[in-house]
């Protein structure tokens, strides 16, 4: 005599990123650092601040490591306010960016790429 075993339904385990808590802490740290840096400006704000240059000029400066930009989760860049004074980029910033470029190469010297790799929750193509 065989007996049918009753099967209890198995609920699937929720898909949870094991690093989620660390990523959230990273995002909070990023927010705190940006607050200490005086907040951020949009590309359009920076273009206006620099005398009405076009957004392309702002992106060229960022790509040339003469502006610090952070890529946010939506793909747009923001720029820490602390790098500007009296409508100009702080003079030492170019020197620091140049040293970073010599050490990490032009692509890895972007602060935006470094911060994105460390702190973002959503996957963004670099």
C-alpha atoms as a PDB file:
ATOM      1  CA  UNK A   1       0.000   0.000   0.000  1.00  0.00           C
ATOM      2  CA  UNK A   2       1.465   3.310  -1.117  1.00  0.00           C
ATOM      3  CA  UNK A   3       0.576   6.471   0.444  1.00  0.00           C
ATOM      4  CA  UNK A   4       0.565   9.845  -1.327  1.00  0.00           C
ATOM      5  CA  UNK A   5       2.770  12.302   0.413  1.00  0.00           C
ATOM      6  CA  UNK A   6       1.220  15.645   0.918  1.00  0.00           C
ATOM      7  CA  UNK A   7       3.393  18.394  -0.426  1.00  0.00           C
ATOM      8  CA  UNK A   8       3.472  21.715   1.238  1.00  0.00           C
ATOM      9  CA  UNK A   9       3.858  24.629  -1.123  1.00  0.00           C
ATOM     10  CA  UNK A  10       7.310  26.138  -1.059  1.00  0.00           C
ATOM     11  CA  UNK A  11       7.454  29.893  -1.202  1.00  0.00           C
ATOM     12  CA  UNK A  12      10.287  31.243  -3.284  1.00  0.00           C
ATOM     13  CA  UNK A  13      12.954  33.146  -1.419  1.00  0.00           C
ATOM     14  CA  UNK A  14      12.771  36.862  -2.079  1.00  0.00           C
ATOM     15  CA  UNK A  15      15.516  38.156  -4.330  1.00  0.00           C
ATOM     16  CA  UNK A  16      17.527  40.441  -2.095  1.00  0.00           C
ATOM     17  CA  UNK A  17      20.840  41.963  -3.009  1.00  0.00           C
ATOM     18  CA  UNK A  18      23.206  40.909  -0.204  1.00  0.00           C
ATOM     19  CA  UNK A  19      25.010  44.219  -0.595  1.00  0.00           C
ATOM     20  CA  UNK A  20      21.870  46.365  -0.474  1.00  0.00           C
ATOM     21  CA  UNK A  21      22.487  47.656   3.059  1.00  0.00           C
ATOM     22  CA  UNK A  22      26.062  48.619   2.170  1.00  0.00           C
ATOM     23  CA  UNK A  23      24.886  50.368  -1.000  1.00  0.00           C
ATOM     24  CA  UNK A  24      22.298  52.343   0.937  1.00  0.00           C
ATOM     25  CA  UNK A  25      24.977  53.373   3.464  1.00  0.00           C
ATOM     26  CA  UNK A  26      27.137  54.438   0.529  1.00  0.00           C
ATOM     27  CA  UNK A  27      24.371  56.563  -0.935  1.00  0.00           C
ATOM     28  CA  UNK A  28      23.808  58.216   2.438  1.00  0.00           C
ATOM     29  CA  UNK A  29      27.541  58.916   2.708  1.00  0.00           C
ATOM     30  CA  UNK A  30      27.518  60.388  -0.806  1.00  0.00           C
ATOM     31  CA  UNK A  31      24.616  62.664   0.137  1.00  0.00           C
ATOM     32  CA  UNK A  32      26.425  63.776   3.288  1.00  0.00           C
ATOM     33  CA  UNK A  33      29.624  64.529   1.357  1.00  0.00           C
ATOM     34  CA  UNK A  34      27.720  66.519  -1.245  1.00  0.00           C
ATOM     35  CA  UNK A  35      26.021  68.504   1.509  1.00  0.00           C
ATOM     36  CA  UNK A  36      29.401  69.320   3.063  1.00  0.00           C
ATOM     37  CA  UNK A  37      30.617  70.309  -0.418  1.00  0.00           C
ATOM     38  CA  UNK A  38      27.903  72.966  -0.558  1.00  0.00           C
ATOM     39  CA  UNK A  39      25.416  70.958  -2.588  1.00  0.00           C
ATOM     40  CA  UNK A  40      25.450  70.457  -6.328  1.00  0.00           C
ATOM     41  CA  UNK A  41      24.712  72.308  -9.540  1.00  0.00           C
ATOM     42  CA  UNK A  42      23.201  70.953 -12.738  1.00  0.00           C
ATOM     43  CA  UNK A  43      25.000  71.144 -16.075  1.00  0.00           C
ATOM     44  CA  UNK A  44      22.788  74.086 -17.015  1.00  0.00           C
ATOM     45  CA  UNK A  45      23.585  75.869 -13.730  1.00  0.00           C
ATOM     46  CA  UNK A  46      27.327  75.419 -14.301  1.00  0.00           C
ATOM     47  CA  UNK A  47      27.032  76.700 -17.874  1.00  0.00           C
ATOM     48  CA  UNK A  48      25.335  79.855 -16.571  1.00  0.00           C
ATOM     49  CA  UNK A  49      27.825  80.249 -13.727  1.00  0.00           C
ATOM     50  CA  UNK A  50      30.746  80.063 -16.152  1.00  0.00           C
ATOM     51  CA  UNK A  51      29.450  82.992 -18.183  1.00  0.00           C
ATOM     52  CA  UNK A  52      26.778  81.414 -20.323  1.00  0.00           C
ATOM     53  CA  UNK A  53      28.852  78.730 -22.036  1.00  0.00           C
ATOM     54  CA  UNK A  54      26.929  75.873 -23.649  1.00  0.00           C
ATOM     55  CA  UNK A  55      26.235  72.555 -21.936  1.00  0.00           C
ATOM     56  CA  UNK A  56      28.661  70.956 -24.401  1.00  0.00           C
ATOM     57  CA  UNK A  57      31.480  73.131 -23.020  1.00  0.00           C
ATOM     58  CA  UNK A  58      30.632  71.976 -19.496  1.00  0.00           C
ATOM     59  CA  UNK A  59      30.726  68.331 -20.605  1.00  0.00           C
ATOM     60  CA  UNK A  60      34.041  68.892 -22.418  1.00  0.00           C
ATOM     61  CA  UNK A  61      35.553  70.355 -19.258  1.00  0.00           C
ATOM     62  CA  UNK A  62      34.259  67.421 -17.228  1.00  0.00           C
ATOM     63  CA  UNK A  63      35.607  64.931 -19.774  1.00  0.00           C
ATOM     64  CA  UNK A  64      38.903  66.852 -19.809  1.00  0.00           C
ATOM     65  CA  UNK A  65      39.140  66.587 -16.005  1.00  0.00           C
ATOM     66  CA  UNK A  66      38.892  70.316 -15.418  1.00  0.00           C
ATOM     67  CA  UNK A  67      35.496  70.022 -13.698  1.00  0.00           C
ATOM     68  CA  UNK A  68      34.420  67.474 -11.129  1.00  0.00           C
ATOM     69  CA  UNK A  69      31.125  65.866 -12.077  1.00  0.00           C
ATOM     70  CA  UNK A  70      29.113  63.052 -10.531  1.00  0.00           C
ATOM     71  CA  UNK A  71      26.882  60.853 -12.641  1.00  0.00           C
ATOM     72  CA  UNK A  72      23.636  60.303 -10.801  1.00  0.00           C
ATOM     73  CA  UNK A  73      21.343  57.281 -11.066  1.00  0.00           C
ATOM     74  CA  UNK A  74      19.274  58.840 -13.866  1.00  0.00           C
ATOM     75  CA  UNK A  75      22.413  59.413 -15.970  1.00  0.00           C
ATOM     76  CA  UNK A  76      22.550  63.197 -15.527  1.00  0.00           C
ATOM     77  CA  UNK A  77      25.641  64.813 -14.042  1.00  0.00           C
ATOM     78  CA  UNK A  78      25.794  67.156 -11.071  1.00  0.00           C
ATOM     79  CA  UNK A  79      28.744  69.294 -10.034  1.00  0.00           C
ATOM     80  CA  UNK A  80      29.842  69.932  -6.423  1.00  0.00           C
ATOM     81  CA  UNK A  81      29.519  73.630  -5.567  1.00  0.00           C
ATOM     82  CA  UNK A  82      32.809  73.638  -3.620  1.00  0.00           C
ATOM     83  CA  UNK A  83      34.836  73.670  -6.856  1.00  0.00           C
ATOM     84  CA  UNK A  84      33.603  77.154  -7.787  1.00  0.00           C
ATOM     85  CA  UNK A  85      34.384  80.603  -6.386  1.00  0.00           C
ATOM     86  CA  UNK A  86      33.243  83.934  -7.799  1.00  0.00           C
ATOM     87  CA  UNK A  87      31.937  82.366 -10.987  1.00  0.00           C
ATOM     88  CA  UNK A  88      35.144  80.484 -11.767  1.00  0.00           C
ATOM     89  CA  UNK A  89      36.571  77.035 -11.202  1.00  0.00           C
ATOM     90  CA  UNK A  90      39.054  77.010  -8.325  1.00  0.00           C
ATOM     91  CA  UNK A  91      42.579  77.319  -9.756  1.00  0.00           C
ATOM     92  CA  UNK A  92      44.032  74.277  -7.987  1.00  0.00           C
ATOM     93  CA  UNK A  93      41.365  71.956  -9.345  1.00  0.00           C
ATOM     94  CA  UNK A  94      43.025  71.644 -12.747  1.00  0.00           C
ATOM     95  CA  UNK A  95      46.307  70.660 -11.094  1.00  0.00           C
ATOM     96  CA  UNK A  96      44.632  68.031  -8.911  1.00  0.00           C
ATOM     97  CA  UNK A  97      42.754  66.650 -11.917  1.00  0.00           C
ATOM     98  CA  UNK A  98      45.984  66.485 -13.918  1.00  0.00           C
ATOM     99  CA  UNK A  99      47.701  64.490 -11.148  1.00  0.00           C
ATOM    100  CA  UNK A 100      44.709  62.147 -10.981  1.00  0.00           C
ATOM    101  CA  UNK A 101      44.829  61.667 -14.755  1.00  0.00           C
ATOM    102  CA  UNK A 102      48.534  60.804 -14.617  1.00  0.00           C
ATOM    103  CA  UNK A 103      47.895  58.201 -11.920  1.00  0.00           C
ATOM    104  CA  UNK A 104      44.640  56.610 -13.115  1.00  0.00           C
ATOM    105  CA  UNK A 105      44.466  57.523 -16.797  1.00  0.00           C
ATOM    106  CA  UNK A 106      41.928  59.848 -18.404  1.00  0.00           C
ATOM    107  CA  UNK A 107      38.892  57.598 -17.966  1.00  0.00           C
ATOM    108  CA  UNK A 108      39.520  56.498 -14.373  1.00  0.00           C
ATOM    109  CA  UNK A 109      40.430  59.972 -13.207  1.00  0.00           C
ATOM    110  CA  UNK A 110      36.824  61.084 -13.486  1.00  0.00           C
ATOM    111  CA  UNK A 111      35.479  61.549 -10.012  1.00  0.00           C
ATOM    112  CA  UNK A 112      32.060  60.697 -11.402  1.00  0.00           C
ATOM    113  CA  UNK A 113      33.210  57.251 -12.468  1.00  0.00           C
ATOM    114  CA  UNK A 114      34.963  56.589  -9.158  1.00  0.00           C
ATOM    115  CA  UNK A 115      31.987  57.614  -7.064  1.00  0.00           C
ATOM    116  CA  UNK A 116      29.517  55.774  -9.283  1.00  0.00           C
ATOM    117  CA  UNK A 117      31.461  52.545  -8.935  1.00  0.00           C
ATOM    118  CA  UNK A 118      31.540  52.903  -5.155  1.00  0.00           C
ATOM    119  CA  UNK A 119      28.158  54.311  -4.213  1.00  0.00           C
ATOM    120  CA  UNK A 120      25.417  53.746  -6.737  1.00  0.00           C
ATOM    121  CA  UNK A 121      22.552  51.353  -6.285  1.00  0.00           C
ATOM    122  CA  UNK A 122      21.285  51.276  -9.841  1.00  0.00           C
ATOM    123  CA  UNK A 123      23.533  49.885 -12.534  1.00  0.00           C
ATOM    124  CA  UNK A 124      24.707  52.604 -14.873  1.00  0.00           C
ATOM    125  CA  UNK A 125      26.911  52.109 -17.881  1.00  0.00           C
ATOM    126  CA  UNK A 126      30.163  53.985 -17.480  1.00  0.00           C
END
